[in-house]
Amino acid sequence: MLYSALLQIVLSSFRGGLRCAGYVLATEPLDTDQLMAVGWTAVRVNSVAPGYVATPMARQLVEQGRVDPAAISRRTPFERMGEPAEVASAVLFLASDEASYVTGETIMVDGGWVSSAGI
C-alpha cells in the first residue's frame, strides 16, 4: 500500500512568546481529522517545531542586538542554538519509511526549551 507523508514545520511556535507555544502548536498544525474529513487516508500528518536555530537570519538578529545568544544558552538545556541540520534530520525522519507508523505528532527540535519551561 502506498502511504504519503505530510509535514509542517511550525515556525510560529514562539510567535506569541514561550507561554503561547502550546496554544500555537495546538491550533496551527494540520491534523489527521481534517484530512480524513476530506477523504485523505493513509496519510501521515506530522509537524516539526524548531526552537532557536543558528541560521543566517538568526545570526543577523544577534548582530542587530535583537536576540541575546547568552540568554538562549542559559535557558536551553543544551546551552546553544540548534543547527539547521538537526531540524532537517527530524524532517527527514518523519518523511522516511522509518516513521511509517507515526502520525499526529509534533517533534520539538528545541534543545529542551519548551520542556524545561515548566508550563
PDB file of N, CA and C in Angstrom:
ATOM      1  N   MET A   1       0.844  -1.178   0.000  1.00  0.00           N
ATOM      2  CA  MET A   1       0.000   0.000   0.000  1.00  0.00           C
ATOM      3  C   MET A   1       0.890   1.242   0.000  1.00  0.00           C
ATOM      4  N   LEU A   2       0.517   2.230  -0.787  1.00  0.00           N
ATOM      5  CA  LEU A   2       1.273   3.462  -0.867  1.00  0.00           C
ATOM      6  C   LEU A   2       0.821   4.411   0.242  1.00  0.00           C
ATOM      7  N   TYR A   3       1.773   4.908   0.996  1.00  0.00           N
ATOM      8  CA  TYR A   3       1.482   5.872   2.055  1.00  0.00           C
ATOM      9  C   TYR A   3       2.131   7.185   1.704  1.00  0.00           C
ATOM     10  N   SER A   4       1.560   8.258   2.155  1.00  0.00           N
ATOM     11  CA  SER A   4       2.116   9.586   1.933  1.00  0.00           C
ATOM     12  C   SER A   4       2.407  10.228   3.270  1.00  0.00           C
ATOM     13  N   ALA A   5       3.301  11.181   3.229  1.00  0.00           N
ATOM     14  CA  ALA A   5       3.640  11.920   4.443  1.00  0.00           C
ATOM     15  C   ALA A   5       3.423  13.399   4.192  1.00  0.00           C
ATOM     16  N   LEU A   6       2.764  14.050   5.106  1.00  0.00           N
ATOM     17  CA  LEU A   6       2.547  15.484   5.047  1.00  0.00           C
ATOM     18  C   LEU A   6       3.216  16.075   6.273  1.00  0.00           C
ATOM     19  N   LEU A   7       4.171  16.962   6.052  1.00  0.00           N
ATOM     20  CA  LEU A   7       4.918  17.553   7.146  1.00  0.00           C
ATOM     21  C   LEU A   7       4.684  19.045   7.187  1.00  0.00           C
ATOM     22  N   GLN A   8       4.638  19.575   8.380  1.00  0.00           N
ATOM     23  CA  GLN A   8       4.515  21.008   8.561  1.00  0.00           C
ATOM     24  C   GLN A   8       5.566  21.424   9.569  1.00  0.00           C
ATOM     25  N   ILE A   9       6.311  22.445   9.240  1.00  0.00           N
ATOM     26  CA  ILE A   9       7.278  22.981  10.186  1.00  0.00           C
ATOM     27  C   ILE A   9       6.610  24.164  10.866  1.00  0.00           C
ATOM     28  N   VAL A  10       6.463  24.070  12.162  1.00  0.00           N
ATOM     29  CA  VAL A  10       5.757  25.087  12.935  1.00  0.00           C
ATOM     30  C   VAL A  10       6.753  26.165  13.315  1.00  0.00           C
ATOM     31  N   LEU A  11       6.904  27.145  12.434  1.00  0.00           N
ATOM     32  CA  LEU A  11       7.877  28.202  12.664  1.00  0.00           C
ATOM     33  C   LEU A  11       7.352  29.276  13.592  1.00  0.00           C
ATOM     34  N   SER A  12       6.063  29.308  13.797  1.00  0.00           N
ATOM     35  CA  SER A  12       5.481  30.363  14.611  1.00  0.00           C
ATOM     36  C   SER A  12       5.263  29.928  16.047  1.00  0.00           C
ATOM     37  N   SER A  13       5.868  28.826  16.478  1.00  0.00           N
ATOM     38  CA  SER A  13       5.568  28.315  17.810  1.00  0.00           C
ATOM     39  C   SER A  13       5.993  29.276  18.918  1.00  0.00           C
ATOM     40  N   PHE A  14       6.945  30.161  18.646  1.00  0.00           N
ATOM     41  CA  PHE A  14       7.350  31.125  19.659  1.00  0.00           C
ATOM     42  C   PHE A  14       6.846  32.527  19.350  1.00  0.00           C
ATOM     43  N   ARG A  15       5.982  32.646  18.365  1.00  0.00           N
ATOM     44  CA  ARG A  15       5.493  33.956  17.929  1.00  0.00           C
ATOM     45  C   ARG A  15       4.906  34.762  19.088  1.00  0.00           C
ATOM     46  N   GLY A  16       4.104  34.120  19.909  1.00  0.00           N
ATOM     47  CA  GLY A  16       3.451  34.836  20.994  1.00  0.00           C
ATOM     48  C   GLY A  16       4.199  34.724  22.308  1.00  0.00           C
ATOM     49  N   GLY A  17       5.420  34.278  22.263  1.00  0.00           N
ATOM     50  CA  GLY A  17       6.192  34.094  23.488  1.00  0.00           C
ATOM     51  C   GLY A  17       6.090  32.659  23.956  1.00  0.00           C
ATOM     52  N   LEU A  18       6.918  32.314  24.892  1.00  0.00           N
ATOM     53  CA  LEU A  18       7.023  30.937  25.341  1.00  0.00           C
ATOM     54  C   LEU A  18       5.699  30.397  25.858  1.00  0.00           C
ATOM     55  N   ARG A  19       4.956  31.173  26.604  1.00  0.00           N
ATOM     56  CA  ARG A  19       3.711  30.678  27.175  1.00  0.00           C
ATOM     57  C   ARG A  19       2.648  30.419  26.117  1.00  0.00           C
ATOM     58  N   CYS A  20       2.838  30.955  24.923  1.00  0.00           N
ATOM     59  CA  CYS A  20       1.873  30.782  23.836  1.00  0.00           C
ATOM     60  C   CYS A  20       2.210  29.588  22.954  1.00  0.00           C
ATOM     61  N   ALA A  21       3.388  28.991  23.124  1.00  0.00           N
ATOM     62  CA  ALA A  21       3.837  27.946  22.208  1.00  0.00           C
ATOM     63  C   ALA A  21       2.856  26.785  22.135  1.00  0.00           C
ATOM     64  N   GLY A  22       2.365  26.323  23.259  1.00  0.00           N
ATOM     65  CA  GLY A  22       1.430  25.202  23.266  1.00  0.00           C
ATOM     66  C   GLY A  22       0.146  25.522  22.536  1.00  0.00           C
ATOM     67  N   TYR A  23      -0.353  26.744  22.712  1.00  0.00           N
ATOM     68  CA  TYR A  23      -1.574  27.151  22.014  1.00  0.00           C
ATOM     69  C   TYR A  23      -1.361  27.157  20.508  1.00  0.00           C
ATOM     70  N   VAL A  24      -0.245  27.735  20.074  1.00  0.00           N
ATOM     71  CA  VAL A  24       0.034  27.803  18.644  1.00  0.00           C
ATOM     72  C   VAL A  24       0.166  26.397  18.068  1.00  0.00           C
ATOM     73  N   LEU A  25       0.870  25.522  18.765  1.00  0.00           N
ATOM     74  CA  LEU A  25       1.027  24.157  18.283  1.00  0.00           C
ATOM     75  C   LEU A  25      -0.308  23.430  18.218  1.00  0.00           C
ATOM     76  N   ALA A  26      -1.206  23.752  19.127  1.00  0.00           N
ATOM     77  CA  ALA A  26      -2.497  23.073  19.155  1.00  0.00           C
ATOM     78  C   ALA A  26      -3.453  23.588  18.085  1.00  0.00           C
ATOM     79  N   THR A  27      -3.278  24.827  17.652  1.00  0.00           N
ATOM     80  CA  THR A  27      -4.253  25.413  16.735  1.00  0.00           C
ATOM     81  C   THR A  27      -3.774  25.544  15.310  1.00  0.00           C
ATOM     82  N   GLU A  28      -2.475  25.630  15.062  1.00  0.00           N
ATOM     83  CA  GLU A  28      -1.998  25.874  13.709  1.00  0.00           C
ATOM     84  C   GLU A  28      -1.685  24.629  12.896  1.00  0.00           C
ATOM     85  N   PRO A  29      -1.073  23.601  13.462  1.00  0.00           N
ATOM     86  CA  PRO A  29      -0.708  22.477  12.594  1.00  0.00           C
ATOM     87  C   PRO A  29      -1.926  21.779  12.001  1.00  0.00           C
ATOM     88  N   LEU A  30      -1.722  21.230  10.827  1.00  0.00           N
ATOM     89  CA  LEU A  30      -2.757  20.403  10.222  1.00  0.00           C
ATOM     90  C   LEU A  30      -2.980  19.191  11.107  1.00  0.00           C
ATOM     91  N   ASP A  31      -4.183  18.666  11.117  1.00  0.00           N
ATOM     92  CA  ASP A  31      -4.377  17.451  11.898  1.00  0.00           C
ATOM     93  C   ASP A  31      -5.011  16.354  11.065  1.00  0.00           C
ATOM     94  N   THR A  32      -4.841  15.144  11.528  1.00  0.00           N
ATOM     95  CA  THR A  32      -5.297  13.969  10.806  1.00  0.00           C
ATOM     96  C   THR A  32      -6.805  13.996  10.587  1.00  0.00           C
ATOM     97  N   ASP A  33      -7.569  14.470  11.573  1.00  0.00           N
ATOM     98  CA  ASP A  33      -9.031  14.518  11.440  1.00  0.00           C
ATOM     99  C   ASP A  33      -9.464  15.382  10.261  1.00  0.00           C
ATOM    100  N   GLN A  34      -8.794  16.523  10.073  1.00  0.00           N
ATOM    101  CA  GLN A  34      -9.161  17.398   8.956  1.00  0.00           C
ATOM    102  C   GLN A  34      -8.936  16.697   7.624  1.00  0.00           C
ATOM    103  N   LEU A  35      -7.815  15.989   7.489  1.00  0.00           N
ATOM    104  CA  LEU A  35      -7.515  15.317   6.224  1.00  0.00           C
ATOM    105  C   LEU A  35      -8.454  14.148   5.980  1.00  0.00           C
ATOM    106  N   MET A  36      -8.794  13.406   7.024  1.00  0.00           N
ATOM    107  CA  MET A  36      -9.706  12.280   6.858  1.00  0.00           C
ATOM    108  C   MET A  36     -11.102  12.766   6.476  1.00  0.00           C
ATOM    109  N   ALA A  37     -11.480  13.955   6.955  1.00  0.00           N
ATOM    110  CA  ALA A  37     -12.796  14.502   6.641  1.00  0.00           C
ATOM    111  C   ALA A  37     -12.945  14.797   5.144  1.00  0.00           C
ATOM    112  N   VAL A  38     -11.844  15.075   4.471  1.00  0.00           N
ATOM    113  CA  VAL A  38     -11.923  15.341   3.034  1.00  0.00           C
ATOM    114  C   VAL A  38     -11.518  14.125   2.209  1.00  0.00           C
ATOM    115  N   GLY A  39     -11.408  12.964   2.849  1.00  0.00           N
ATOM    116  CA  GLY A  39     -11.185  11.727   2.132  1.00  0.00           C
ATOM    117  C   GLY A  39      -9.736  11.291   2.009  1.00  0.00           C
ATOM    118  N   TRP A  40      -8.805  11.969   2.660  1.00  0.00           N
ATOM    119  CA  TRP A  40      -7.416  11.544   2.612  1.00  0.00           C
ATOM    120  C   TRP A  40      -7.206  10.469   3.670  1.00  0.00           C
ATOM    121  N   THR A  41      -6.804   9.304   3.253  1.00  0.00           N
ATOM    122  CA  THR A  41      -6.490   8.241   4.202  1.00  0.00           C
ATOM    123  C   THR A  41      -5.068   7.777   3.941  1.00  0.00           C
ATOM    124  N   ALA A  42      -4.525   7.057   4.875  1.00  0.00           N
ATOM    125  CA  ALA A  42      -3.154   6.543   4.775  1.00  0.00           C
ATOM    126  C   ALA A  42      -2.153   7.669   4.555  1.00  0.00           C
ATOM    127  N   VAL A  43      -2.435   8.833   5.139  1.00  0.00           N
ATOM    128  CA  VAL A  43      -1.529   9.970   5.056  1.00  0.00           C
ATOM    129  C   VAL A  43      -1.011  10.239   6.454  1.00  0.00           C
ATOM    130  N   ARG A  44       0.288  10.272   6.591  1.00  0.00           N
ATOM    131  CA  ARG A  44       0.888  10.608   7.882  1.00  0.00           C
ATOM    132  C   ARG A  44       1.001  12.123   7.969  1.00  0.00           C
ATOM    133  N   VAL A  45       0.488  12.694   9.059  1.00  0.00           N
ATOM    134  CA  VAL A  45       0.497  14.136   9.258  1.00  0.00           C
ATOM    135  C   VAL A  45       1.293  14.423  10.520  1.00  0.00           C
ATOM    136  N   ASN A  46       2.426  15.059  10.362  1.00  0.00           N
ATOM    137  CA  ASN A  46       3.309  15.344  11.483  1.00  0.00           C
ATOM    138  C   ASN A  46       3.880  16.741  11.343  1.00  0.00           C
ATOM    139  N   SER A  47       4.389  17.261  12.453  1.00  0.00           N
ATOM    140  CA  SER A  47       4.977  18.595  12.462  1.00  0.00           C
ATOM    141  C   SER A  47       6.334  18.559  13.135  1.00  0.00           C
ATOM    142  N   VAL A  48       7.160  19.513  12.755  1.00  0.00           N
ATOM    143  CA  VAL A  48       8.433  19.749  13.423  1.00  0.00           C
ATOM    144  C   VAL A  48       8.390  21.182  13.925  1.00  0.00           C
ATOM    145  N   ALA A  49       8.656  21.369  15.211  1.00  0.00           N
ATOM    146  CA  ALA A  49       8.625  22.694  15.821  1.00  0.00           C
ATOM    147  C   ALA A  49      10.019  23.045  16.319  1.00  0.00           C
ATOM    148  N   PRO A  50      10.781  23.778  15.508  1.00  0.00           N
ATOM    149  CA  PRO A  50      12.143  24.121  15.926  1.00  0.00           C
ATOM    150  C   PRO A  50      12.158  25.266  16.922  1.00  0.00           C
ATOM    151  N   GLY A  51      13.181  25.250  17.757  1.00  0.00           N
ATOM    152  CA  GLY A  51      13.434  26.379  18.642  1.00  0.00           C
ATOM    153  C   GLY A  51      14.353  27.348  17.936  1.00  0.00           C
ATOM    154  N   TYR A  52      15.241  27.981  18.702  1.00  0.00           N
ATOM    155  CA  TYR A  52      16.211  28.887  18.098  1.00  0.00           C
ATOM    156  C   TYR A  52      17.223  28.074  17.304  1.00  0.00           C
ATOM    157  N   VAL A  53      17.386  28.412  16.032  1.00  0.00           N
ATOM    158  CA  VAL A  53      18.295  27.701  15.138  1.00  0.00           C
ATOM    159  C   VAL A  53      19.285  28.703  14.554  1.00  0.00           C
ATOM    160  N   ALA A  54      20.534  28.321  14.519  1.00  0.00           N
ATOM    161  CA  ALA A  54      21.607  29.203  14.038  1.00  0.00           C
ATOM    162  C   ALA A  54      21.566  29.301  12.513  1.00  0.00           C
ATOM    163  N   THR A  55      20.660  30.097  12.034  1.00  0.00           N
ATOM    164  CA  THR A  55      20.515  30.351  10.597  1.00  0.00           C
ATOM    165  C   THR A  55      21.102  31.728  10.285  1.00  0.00           C
ATOM    166  N   PRO A  56      21.273  32.051   9.015  1.00  0.00           N
ATOM    167  CA  PRO A  56      21.738  33.407   8.689  1.00  0.00           C
ATOM    168  C   PRO A  56      20.822  34.493   9.271  1.00  0.00           C
ATOM    169  N   MET A  57      19.510  34.260   9.263  1.00  0.00           N
ATOM    170  CA  MET A  57      18.600  35.249   9.823  1.00  0.00           C
ATOM    171  C   MET A  57      18.807  35.389  11.333  1.00  0.00           C
ATOM    172  N   ALA A  58      18.993  34.275  12.027  1.00  0.00           N
ATOM    173  CA  ALA A  58      19.228  34.342  13.470  1.00  0.00           C
ATOM    174  C   ALA A  58      20.532  35.072  13.766  1.00  0.00           C
ATOM    175  N   ARG A  59      21.574  34.797  12.975  1.00  0.00           N
ATOM    176  CA  ARG A  59      22.849  35.496  13.173  1.00  0.00           C
ATOM    177  C   ARG A  59      22.689  36.995  12.958  1.00  0.00           C
ATOM    178  N   GLN A  60      21.897  37.367  11.975  1.00  0.00           N
ATOM    179  CA  GLN A  60      21.636  38.788  11.726  1.00  0.00           C
ATOM    180  C   GLN A  60      20.914  39.424  12.914  1.00  0.00           C
ATOM    181  N   LEU A  61      19.955  38.721  13.491  1.00  0.00           N
ATOM    182  CA  LEU A  61      19.247  39.245  14.666  1.00  0.00           C
ATOM    183  C   LEU A  61      20.189  39.403  15.855  1.00  0.00           C
ATOM    184  N   VAL A  62      21.133  38.478  15.997  1.00  0.00           N
ATOM    185  CA  VAL A  62      22.142  38.593  17.060  1.00  0.00           C
ATOM    186  C   VAL A  62      22.988  39.827  16.815  1.00  0.00           C
ATOM    187  N   GLU A  63      23.445  40.014  15.583  1.00  0.00           N
ATOM    188  CA  GLU A  63      24.278  41.182  15.248  1.00  0.00           C
ATOM    189  C   GLU A  63      23.538  42.487  15.482  1.00  0.00           C
ATOM    190  N   GLN A  64      22.241  42.503  15.263  1.00  0.00           N
ATOM    191  CA  GLN A  64      21.421  43.703  15.468  1.00  0.00           C
ATOM    192  C   GLN A  64      21.063  43.914  16.934  1.00  0.00           C
ATOM    193  N   GLY A  65      21.425  42.960  17.785  1.00  0.00           N
ATOM    194  CA  GLY A  65      21.088  43.068  19.201  1.00  0.00           C
ATOM    195  C   GLY A  65      19.644  42.724  19.528  1.00  0.00           C
ATOM    196  N   ARG A  66      18.938  42.103  18.596  1.00  0.00           N
ATOM    197  CA  ARG A  66      17.536  41.762  18.818  1.00  0.00           C
ATOM    198  C   ARG A  66      17.365  40.390  19.455  1.00  0.00           C
ATOM    199  N   VAL A  67      18.413  39.566  19.416  1.00  0.00           N
ATOM    200  CA  VAL A  67      18.410  38.253  20.051  1.00  0.00           C
ATOM    201  C   VAL A  67      19.667  38.151  20.888  1.00  0.00           C
ATOM    202  N   ASP A  68      19.527  37.703  22.133  1.00  0.00           N
ATOM    203  CA  ASP A  68      20.652  37.565  23.058  1.00  0.00           C
ATOM    204  C   ASP A  68      21.065  36.097  23.127  1.00  0.00           C
ATOM    205  N   PRO A  69      22.159  35.726  22.457  1.00  0.00           N
ATOM    206  CA  PRO A  69      22.550  34.317  22.446  1.00  0.00           C
ATOM    207  C   PRO A  69      22.930  33.795  23.829  1.00  0.00           C
ATOM    208  N   ALA A  70      23.442  34.651  24.697  1.00  0.00           N
ATOM    209  CA  ALA A  70      23.781  34.208  26.055  1.00  0.00           C
ATOM    210  C   ALA A  70      22.518  33.834  26.827  1.00  0.00           C
ATOM    211  N   ALA A  71      21.452  34.592  26.636  1.00  0.00           N
ATOM    212  CA  ALA A  71      20.183  34.285  27.308  1.00  0.00           C
ATOM    213  C   ALA A  71      19.611  32.969  26.784  1.00  0.00           C
ATOM    214  N   ILE A  72      19.741  32.741  25.480  1.00  0.00           N
ATOM    215  CA  ILE A  72      19.266  31.482  24.903  1.00  0.00           C
ATOM    216  C   ILE A  72      20.064  30.320  25.481  1.00  0.00           C
ATOM    217  N   SER A  73      21.375  30.488  25.568  1.00  0.00           N
ATOM    218  CA  SER A  73      22.229  29.432  26.123  1.00  0.00           C
ATOM    219  C   SER A  73      21.871  29.120  27.571  1.00  0.00           C
ATOM    220  N   ARG A  74      21.590  30.153  28.360  1.00  0.00           N
ATOM    221  CA  ARG A  74      21.214  29.926  29.762  1.00  0.00           C
ATOM    222  C   ARG A  74      19.873  29.214  29.877  1.00  0.00           C
ATOM    223  N   ARG A  75      18.960  29.491  28.980  1.00  0.00           N
ATOM    224  CA  ARG A  75      17.592  28.986  29.040  1.00  0.00           C
ATOM    225  C   ARG A  75      17.435  27.590  28.423  1.00  0.00           C
ATOM    226  N   THR A  76      18.341  27.227  27.515  1.00  0.00           N
ATOM    227  CA  THR A  76      18.243  25.963  26.799  1.00  0.00           C
ATOM    228  C   THR A  76      19.133  24.914  27.457  1.00  0.00           C
ATOM    229  N   PRO A  77      18.597  23.754  27.841  1.00  0.00           N
ATOM    230  CA  PRO A  77      19.410  22.727  28.495  1.00  0.00           C
ATOM    231  C   PRO A  77      20.681  22.350  27.725  1.00  0.00           C
ATOM    232  N   PHE A  78      20.668  22.426  26.387  1.00  0.00           N
ATOM    233  CA  PHE A  78      21.874  22.115  25.619  1.00  0.00           C
ATOM    234  C   PHE A  78      22.811  23.308  25.496  1.00  0.00           C
ATOM    235  N   GLU A  79      22.404  24.428  26.049  1.00  0.00           N
ATOM    236  CA  GLU A  79      23.237  25.636  26.154  1.00  0.00           C
ATOM    237  C   GLU A  79      23.749  26.151  24.813  1.00  0.00           C
ATOM    238  N   ARG A  80      22.893  26.080  23.785  1.00  0.00           N
ATOM    239  CA  ARG A  80      23.263  26.593  22.468  1.00  0.00           C
ATOM    240  C   ARG A  80      22.024  26.650  21.583  1.00  0.00           C
ATOM    241  N   MET A  81      22.182  27.319  20.461  1.00  0.00           N
ATOM    242  CA  MET A  81      21.141  27.271  19.431  1.00  0.00           C
ATOM    243  C   MET A  81      21.280  25.959  18.675  1.00  0.00           C
ATOM    244  N   GLY A  82      20.204  25.543  18.055  1.00  0.00           N
ATOM    245  CA  GLY A  82      20.247  24.359  17.218  1.00  0.00           C
ATOM    246  C   GLY A  82      20.912  24.652  15.890  1.00  0.00           C
ATOM    247  N   GLU A  83      21.260  23.605  15.187  1.00  0.00           N
ATOM    248  CA  GLU A  83      21.836  23.721  13.849  1.00  0.00           C
ATOM    249  C   GLU A  83      20.770  23.333  12.825  1.00  0.00           C
ATOM    250  N   PRO A  84      20.774  23.977  11.661  1.00  0.00           N
ATOM    251  CA  PRO A  84      19.783  23.621  10.636  1.00  0.00           C
ATOM    252  C   PRO A  84      19.756  22.123  10.327  1.00  0.00           C
ATOM    253  N   ALA A  85      20.898  21.472  10.349  1.00  0.00           N
ATOM    254  CA  ALA A  85      20.947  20.030  10.050  1.00  0.00           C
ATOM    255  C   ALA A  85      20.178  19.218  11.085  1.00  0.00           C
ATOM    256  N   GLU A  86      20.106  19.710  12.320  1.00  0.00           N
ATOM    257  CA  GLU A  86      19.368  18.982  13.359  1.00  0.00           C
ATOM    258  C   GLU A  86      17.866  19.024  13.080  1.00  0.00           C
ATOM    259  N   VAL A  87      17.382  20.160  12.606  1.00  0.00           N
ATOM    260  CA  VAL A  87      15.973  20.274  12.229  1.00  0.00           C
ATOM    261  C   VAL A  87      15.712  19.416  10.989  1.00  0.00           C
ATOM    262  N   ALA A  88      16.630  19.483  10.027  1.00  0.00           N
ATOM    263  CA  ALA A  88      16.481  18.697   8.801  1.00  0.00           C
ATOM    264  C   ALA A  88      16.435  17.205   9.104  1.00  0.00           C
ATOM    265  N   SER A  89      17.202  16.758  10.074  1.00  0.00           N
ATOM    266  CA  SER A  89      17.197  15.331  10.435  1.00  0.00           C
ATOM    267  C   SER A  89      15.824  14.893  10.929  1.00  0.00           C
ATOM    268  N   ALA A  90      15.171  15.732  11.721  1.00  0.00           N
ATOM    269  CA  ALA A  90      13.825  15.395  12.202  1.00  0.00           C
ATOM    270  C   ALA A  90      12.836  15.343  11.043  1.00  0.00           C
ATOM    271  N   VAL A  91      12.948  16.294  10.118  1.00  0.00           N
ATOM    272  CA  VAL A  91      12.066  16.307   8.946  1.00  0.00           C
ATOM    273  C   VAL A  91      12.302  15.055   8.097  1.00  0.00           C
ATOM    274  N   LEU A  92      13.562  14.724   7.871  1.00  0.00           N
ATOM    275  CA  LEU A  92      13.879  13.537   7.076  1.00  0.00           C
ATOM    276  C   LEU A  92      13.360  12.266   7.732  1.00  0.00           C
ATOM    277  N   PHE A  93      13.472  12.181   9.055  1.00  0.00           N
ATOM    278  CA  PHE A  93      12.936  11.017   9.757  1.00  0.00           C
ATOM    279  C   PHE A  93      11.436  10.891   9.529  1.00  0.00           C
ATOM    280  N   LEU A  94      10.702  11.980   9.729  1.00  0.00           N
ATOM    281  CA  LEU A  94       9.248  11.923   9.589  1.00  0.00           C
ATOM    282  C   LEU A  94       8.814  11.624   8.155  1.00  0.00           C
ATOM    283  N   ALA A  95       9.616  12.019   7.187  1.00  0.00           N
ATOM    284  CA  ALA A  95       9.279  11.761   5.786  1.00  0.00           C
ATOM    285  C   ALA A  95       9.723  10.372   5.327  1.00  0.00           C
ATOM    286  N   SER A  96      10.494   9.683   6.139  1.00  0.00           N
ATOM    287  CA  SER A  96      11.061   8.403   5.732  1.00  0.00           C
ATOM    288  C   SER A  96      10.147   7.227   6.082  1.00  0.00           C
ATOM    289  N   ASP A  97      10.518   6.064   5.565  1.00  0.00           N
ATOM    290  CA  ASP A  97       9.807   4.837   5.900  1.00  0.00           C
ATOM    291  C   ASP A  97      10.016   4.448   7.359  1.00  0.00           C
ATOM    292  N   GLU A  98      11.063   4.959   7.977  1.00  0.00           N
ATOM    293  CA  GLU A  98      11.302   4.682   9.397  1.00  0.00           C
ATOM    294  C   GLU A  98      10.162   5.211  10.271  1.00  0.00           C
ATOM    295  N   ALA A  99       9.436   6.194   9.785  1.00  0.00           N
ATOM    296  CA  ALA A  99       8.307   6.768  10.525  1.00  0.00           C
ATOM    297  C   ALA A  99       6.976   6.355   9.900  1.00  0.00           C
ATOM    298  N   SER A 100       6.940   5.181   9.309  1.00  0.00           N
ATOM    299  CA  SER A 100       5.756   4.757   8.563  1.00  0.00           C
ATOM    300  C   SER A 100       4.511   4.578   9.428  1.00  0.00           C
ATOM    301  N   TYR A 101       4.680   4.474  10.735  1.00  0.00           N
ATOM    302  CA  TYR A 101       3.531   4.291  11.630  1.00  0.00           C
ATOM    303  C   TYR A 101       3.415   5.461  12.615  1.00  0.00           C
ATOM    304  N   VAL A 102       4.008   6.577  12.270  1.00  0.00           N
ATOM    305  CA  VAL A 102       3.970   7.774  13.107  1.00  0.00           C
ATOM    306  C   VAL A 102       3.057   8.795  12.440  1.00  0.00           C
ATOM    307  N   THR A 103       2.040   9.231  13.165  1.00  0.00           N
ATOM    308  CA  THR A 103       1.165  10.282  12.651  1.00  0.00           C
ATOM    309  C   THR A 103       0.585  11.075  13.808  1.00  0.00           C
ATOM    310  N   GLY A 104       0.256  12.317  13.537  1.00  0.00           N
ATOM    311  CA  GLY A 104      -0.335  13.181  14.553  1.00  0.00           C
ATOM    312  C   GLY A 104       0.657  13.677  15.589  1.00  0.00           C
ATOM    313  N   GLU A 105       1.924  13.667  15.266  1.00  0.00           N
ATOM    314  CA  GLU A 105       2.948  14.050  16.232  1.00  0.00           C
ATOM    315  C   GLU A 105       3.621  15.360  15.857  1.00  0.00           C
ATOM    316  N   THR A 106       4.063  16.069  16.875  1.00  0.00           N
ATOM    317  CA  THR A 106       4.909  17.243  16.704  1.00  0.00           C
ATOM    318  C   THR A 106       6.219  16.953  17.408  1.00  0.00           C
ATOM    319  N   ILE A 107       7.301  16.974  16.655  1.00  0.00           N
ATOM    320  CA  ILE A 107       8.625  16.772  17.243  1.00  0.00           C
ATOM    321  C   ILE A 107       9.204  18.145  17.550  1.00  0.00           C
ATOM    322  N   MET A 108       9.475  18.376  18.822  1.00  0.00           N
ATOM    323  CA  MET A 108      10.093  19.623  19.265  1.00  0.00           C
ATOM    324  C   MET A 108      11.601  19.488  19.069  1.00  0.00           C
ATOM    325  N   VAL A 109      12.168  20.290  18.197  1.00  0.00           N
ATOM    326  CA  VAL A 109      13.612  20.295  17.965  1.00  0.00           C
ATOM    327  C   VAL A 109      14.099  21.628  18.510  1.00  0.00           C
ATOM    328  N   ASP A 110      14.097  21.710  19.843  1.00  0.00           N
ATOM    329  CA  ASP A 110      14.357  22.991  20.501  1.00  0.00           C
ATOM    330  C   ASP A 110      15.374  22.902  21.628  1.00  0.00           C
ATOM    331  N   GLY A 111      16.114  21.807  21.691  1.00  0.00           N
ATOM    332  CA  GLY A 111      17.132  21.675  22.728  1.00  0.00           C
ATOM    333  C   GLY A 111      16.567  21.602  24.134  1.00  0.00           C
ATOM    334  N   GLY A 112      15.284  21.304  24.264  1.00  0.00           N
ATOM    335  CA  GLY A 112      14.646  21.222  25.576  1.00  0.00           C
ATOM    336  C   GLY A 112      14.025  22.521  26.052  1.00  0.00           C
ATOM    337  N   TRP A 113      13.970  23.524  25.185  1.00  0.00           N
ATOM    338  CA  TRP A 113      13.457  24.856  25.564  1.00  0.00           C
ATOM    339  C   TRP A 113      12.061  24.764  26.175  1.00  0.00           C
ATOM    340  N   VAL A 114      11.125  24.166  25.476  1.00  0.00           N
ATOM    341  CA  VAL A 114       9.739  24.122  25.955  1.00  0.00           C
ATOM    342  C   VAL A 114       9.589  23.161  27.128  1.00  0.00           C
ATOM    343  N   SER A 115      10.202  21.994  27.058  1.00  0.00           N
ATOM    344  CA  SER A 115      10.017  21.009  28.122  1.00  0.00           C
ATOM    345  C   SER A 115      10.636  21.446  29.440  1.00  0.00           C
ATOM    346  N   SER A 116      11.591  22.346  29.406  1.00  0.00           N
ATOM    347  CA  SER A 116      12.201  22.806  30.660  1.00  0.00           C
ATOM    348  C   SER A 116      11.579  24.111  31.162  1.00  0.00           C
ATOM    349  N   ALA A 117      10.539  24.585  30.482  1.00  0.00           N
ATOM    350  CA  ALA A 117       9.943  25.871  30.840  1.00  0.00           C
ATOM    351  C   ALA A 117       9.005  25.786  32.025  1.00  0.00           C
ATOM    352  N   GLY A 118       8.538  24.605  32.361  1.00  0.00           N
ATOM    353  CA  GLY A 118       7.610  24.475  33.465  1.00  0.00           C
ATOM    354  C   GLY A 118       6.227  24.978  33.144  1.00  0.00           C
ATOM    355  N   ILE A 119       5.844  24.920  31.857  1.00  0.00           N
ATOM    356  CA  ILE A 119       4.488  25.385  31.500  1.00  0.00           C
ATOM    357  C   ILE A 119       3.603  24.197  31.224  1.00  0.00           C
TER     358      ILE A 119
END
